[in-house]
Amino acid sequence: MKTLVIIGAGGHGLVVAEAAELMRAWDKILFVDEKYTSSFVINEFDVITQQQFAALACDATDVIVA
């Protein structure tokens, strides 16, 4: 399963997530943003913490800073 992690869940991050979703290149799209709790969902995209991201990082994960 290929995952895209977007660092930053602000306005630009949302635009990046929507564009990525239209590309259909990733099975899952997540945000990392410390101003939200890890159980937070933004426009159907889950938010994870930095610690969760560190545990998730692998070859099947792409990352973009937004």
N, C-alpha and C. Protein backbone atom coordinates (compact mmCIF):
# COMPACT_ATOMS: atom_id res chain seq x y z
N MET A 1 0.85 -1.17 0.00
CA MET A 1 0.00 0.00 0.00
C MET A 1 0.89 1.23 0.00
N LYS A 2 0.70 2.11 -0.93
CA LYS A 2 1.49 3.33 -1.06
C LYS A 2 0.76 4.47 -0.36
N THR A 3 1.52 5.22 0.47
CA THR A 3 0.95 6.29 1.28
C THR A 3 1.64 7.60 0.96
N LEU A 4 0.86 8.68 0.90
CA LEU A 4 1.39 10.03 0.78
C LEU A 4 1.17 10.73 2.10
N VAL A 5 2.24 11.27 2.67
CA VAL A 5 2.15 12.04 3.90
C VAL A 5 2.42 13.49 3.55
N ILE A 6 1.47 14.35 3.90
CA ILE A 6 1.58 15.78 3.64
C ILE A 6 1.88 16.47 4.96
N ILE A 7 3.02 17.16 5.02
CA ILE A 7 3.40 17.88 6.22
C ILE A 7 2.73 19.25 6.15
N GLY A 8 1.78 19.48 7.03
CA GLY A 8 1.05 20.74 7.06
C GLY A 8 -0.38 20.55 6.56
N ALA A 9 -1.34 20.82 7.43
CA ALA A 9 -2.74 20.61 7.10
C ALA A 9 -3.49 21.93 6.91
N GLY A 10 -2.77 22.95 6.48
CA GLY A 10 -3.41 24.24 6.22
C GLY A 10 -4.04 24.26 4.84
N GLY A 11 -4.30 25.46 4.35
CA GLY A 11 -4.97 25.62 3.06
C GLY A 11 -4.20 25.00 1.91
N HIS A 12 -2.89 25.24 1.86
CA HIS A 12 -2.09 24.67 0.76
C HIS A 12 -2.03 23.15 0.88
N GLY A 13 -1.94 22.64 2.09
CA GLY A 13 -1.93 21.20 2.30
C GLY A 13 -3.20 20.54 1.77
N LEU A 14 -4.33 21.20 1.99
CA LEU A 14 -5.60 20.67 1.50
C LEU A 14 -5.64 20.64 -0.03
N VAL A 15 -5.10 21.68 -0.65
CA VAL A 15 -5.06 21.71 -2.12
C VAL A 15 -4.17 20.58 -2.64
N VAL A 16 -3.03 20.38 -1.99
CA VAL A 16 -2.11 19.30 -2.38
C VAL A 16 -2.81 17.94 -2.23
N ALA A 17 -3.52 17.75 -1.12
CA ALA A 17 -4.21 16.48 -0.89
C ALA A 17 -5.28 16.23 -1.94
N GLU A 18 -6.03 17.25 -2.28
CA GLU A 18 -7.08 17.08 -3.29
C GLU A 18 -6.47 16.76 -4.66
N ALA A 19 -5.36 17.42 -5.01
CA ALA A 19 -4.70 17.13 -6.28
C ALA A 19 -4.14 15.71 -6.28
N ALA A 20 -3.55 15.31 -5.17
CA ALA A 20 -2.99 13.96 -5.05
C ALA A 20 -4.09 12.91 -5.16
N GLU A 21 -5.22 13.19 -4.56
CA GLU A 21 -6.34 12.25 -4.63
C GLU A 21 -6.81 12.07 -6.08
N LEU A 22 -6.84 13.14 -6.84
CA LEU A 22 -7.25 13.05 -8.24
C LEU A 22 -6.24 12.26 -9.08
N MET A 23 -4.98 12.27 -8.67
CA MET A 23 -3.94 11.52 -9.39
C MET A 23 -4.09 10.02 -9.20
N ARG A 24 -4.69 9.60 -8.10
CA ARG A 24 -4.91 8.18 -7.79
C ARG A 24 -3.61 7.37 -7.76
N ALA A 25 -2.52 8.01 -7.33
CA ALA A 25 -1.23 7.33 -7.26
C ALA A 25 -0.97 6.74 -5.87
N TRP A 26 -1.78 7.10 -4.89
CA TRP A 26 -1.59 6.65 -3.51
C TRP A 26 -2.87 6.01 -3.00
N ASP A 27 -2.69 4.98 -2.18
CA ASP A 27 -3.83 4.30 -1.57
C ASP A 27 -4.35 5.07 -0.37
N LYS A 28 -3.46 5.82 0.29
CA LYS A 28 -3.84 6.55 1.49
C LYS A 28 -3.10 7.88 1.52
N ILE A 29 -3.80 8.93 1.95
CA ILE A 29 -3.21 10.26 2.09
C ILE A 29 -3.41 10.70 3.53
N LEU A 30 -2.31 11.10 4.17
CA LEU A 30 -2.34 11.51 5.58
C LEU A 30 -1.71 12.89 5.73
N PHE A 31 -2.10 13.59 6.78
CA PHE A 31 -1.46 14.85 7.15
C PHE A 31 -0.65 14.65 8.42
N VAL A 32 0.46 15.37 8.54
CA VAL A 32 1.17 15.51 9.81
C VAL A 32 1.10 16.98 10.16
N ASP A 33 0.47 17.28 11.27
CA ASP A 33 0.35 18.66 11.74
C ASP A 33 0.12 18.63 13.24
N GLU A 34 1.05 19.17 13.98
CA GLU A 34 1.01 19.10 15.45
C GLU A 34 -0.09 19.97 16.07
N LYS A 35 -0.70 20.85 15.30
CA LYS A 35 -1.77 21.66 15.90
C LYS A 35 -3.09 20.90 16.01
N TYR A 36 -3.15 19.72 15.42
CA TYR A 36 -4.34 18.88 15.52
C TYR A 36 -4.00 17.60 16.28
N THR A 37 -4.99 16.99 16.89
CA THR A 37 -4.77 15.72 17.57
C THR A 37 -4.73 14.60 16.53
N SER A 38 -4.18 13.47 16.91
CA SER A 38 -4.02 12.38 15.95
C SER A 38 -5.35 11.75 15.54
N SER A 39 -6.41 12.04 16.26
CA SER A 39 -7.71 11.48 15.88
C SER A 39 -8.51 12.45 15.00
N PHE A 40 -7.89 13.54 14.60
CA PHE A 40 -8.56 14.57 13.81
C PHE A 40 -8.61 14.15 12.34
N VAL A 41 -9.69 14.50 11.66
CA VAL A 41 -9.86 14.22 10.24
C VAL A 41 -10.18 15.53 9.54
N ILE A 42 -9.47 15.79 8.45
CA ILE A 42 -9.70 17.01 7.66
C ILE A 42 -10.10 16.58 6.26
N ASN A 43 -11.31 16.92 5.86
CA ASN A 43 -11.80 16.57 4.52
C ASN A 43 -11.52 15.11 4.17
N GLU A 44 -11.83 14.21 5.09
CA GLU A 44 -11.69 12.76 4.96
C GLU A 44 -10.25 12.25 5.06
N PHE A 45 -9.27 13.14 5.25
CA PHE A 45 -7.88 12.74 5.40
C PHE A 45 -7.51 12.73 6.88
N ASP A 46 -6.91 11.62 7.34
CA ASP A 46 -6.52 11.51 8.74
C ASP A 46 -5.29 12.36 9.04
N VAL A 47 -5.22 12.86 10.27
CA VAL A 47 -4.06 13.61 10.76
C VAL A 47 -3.31 12.71 11.73
N ILE A 48 -1.99 12.61 11.55
CA ILE A 48 -1.17 11.81 12.45
C ILE A 48 -0.14 12.72 13.12
N THR A 49 0.46 12.23 14.21
CA THR A 49 1.48 13.00 14.92
C THR A 49 2.86 12.73 14.31
N GLN A 50 3.84 13.50 14.72
CA GLN A 50 5.20 13.29 14.25
C GLN A 50 5.73 11.93 14.66
N GLN A 51 5.37 11.48 15.86
CA GLN A 51 5.80 10.17 16.32
C GLN A 51 5.20 9.06 15.46
N GLN A 52 3.93 9.19 15.12
CA GLN A 52 3.29 8.20 14.25
C GLN A 52 3.94 8.20 12.87
N PHE A 53 4.28 9.38 12.38
CA PHE A 53 4.94 9.49 11.08
C PHE A 53 6.29 8.81 11.11
N ALA A 54 7.07 9.00 12.17
CA ALA A 54 8.39 8.37 12.28
C ALA A 54 8.26 6.84 12.24
N ALA A 55 7.23 6.31 12.84
CA ALA A 55 7.01 4.86 12.83
C ALA A 55 6.52 4.38 11.47
N LEU A 56 5.87 5.25 10.73
CA LEU A 56 5.28 4.89 9.43
C LEU A 56 6.28 4.96 8.29
N ALA A 57 7.25 5.85 8.39
CA ALA A 57 8.17 6.11 7.28
C ALA A 57 8.83 4.83 6.78
N CYS A 58 8.64 4.57 5.50
CA CYS A 58 9.22 3.39 4.86
C CYS A 58 9.28 3.64 3.35
N ASP A 59 9.70 2.64 2.60
CA ASP A 59 9.83 2.79 1.14
C ASP A 59 8.49 3.02 0.45
N ALA A 60 7.40 2.64 1.08
CA ALA A 60 6.09 2.79 0.46
C ALA A 60 5.43 4.11 0.82
N THR A 61 6.21 5.04 1.38
CA THR A 61 5.66 6.31 1.82
C THR A 61 6.34 7.45 1.07
N ASP A 62 5.54 8.33 0.48
CA ASP A 62 6.04 9.55 -0.15
C ASP A 62 5.67 10.71 0.76
N VAL A 63 6.50 11.74 0.78
CA VAL A 63 6.30 12.88 1.67
C VAL A 63 6.42 14.16 0.88
N ILE A 64 5.53 15.11 1.18
CA ILE A 64 5.62 16.45 0.59
C ILE A 64 5.34 17.46 1.69
N VAL A 65 6.08 18.56 1.66
CA VAL A 65 5.88 19.63 2.64
C VAL A 65 4.97 20.67 2.00
N ALA A 66 3.87 20.95 2.68
CA ALA A 66 2.91 21.93 2.15
C ALA A 66 2.62 22.94 3.23
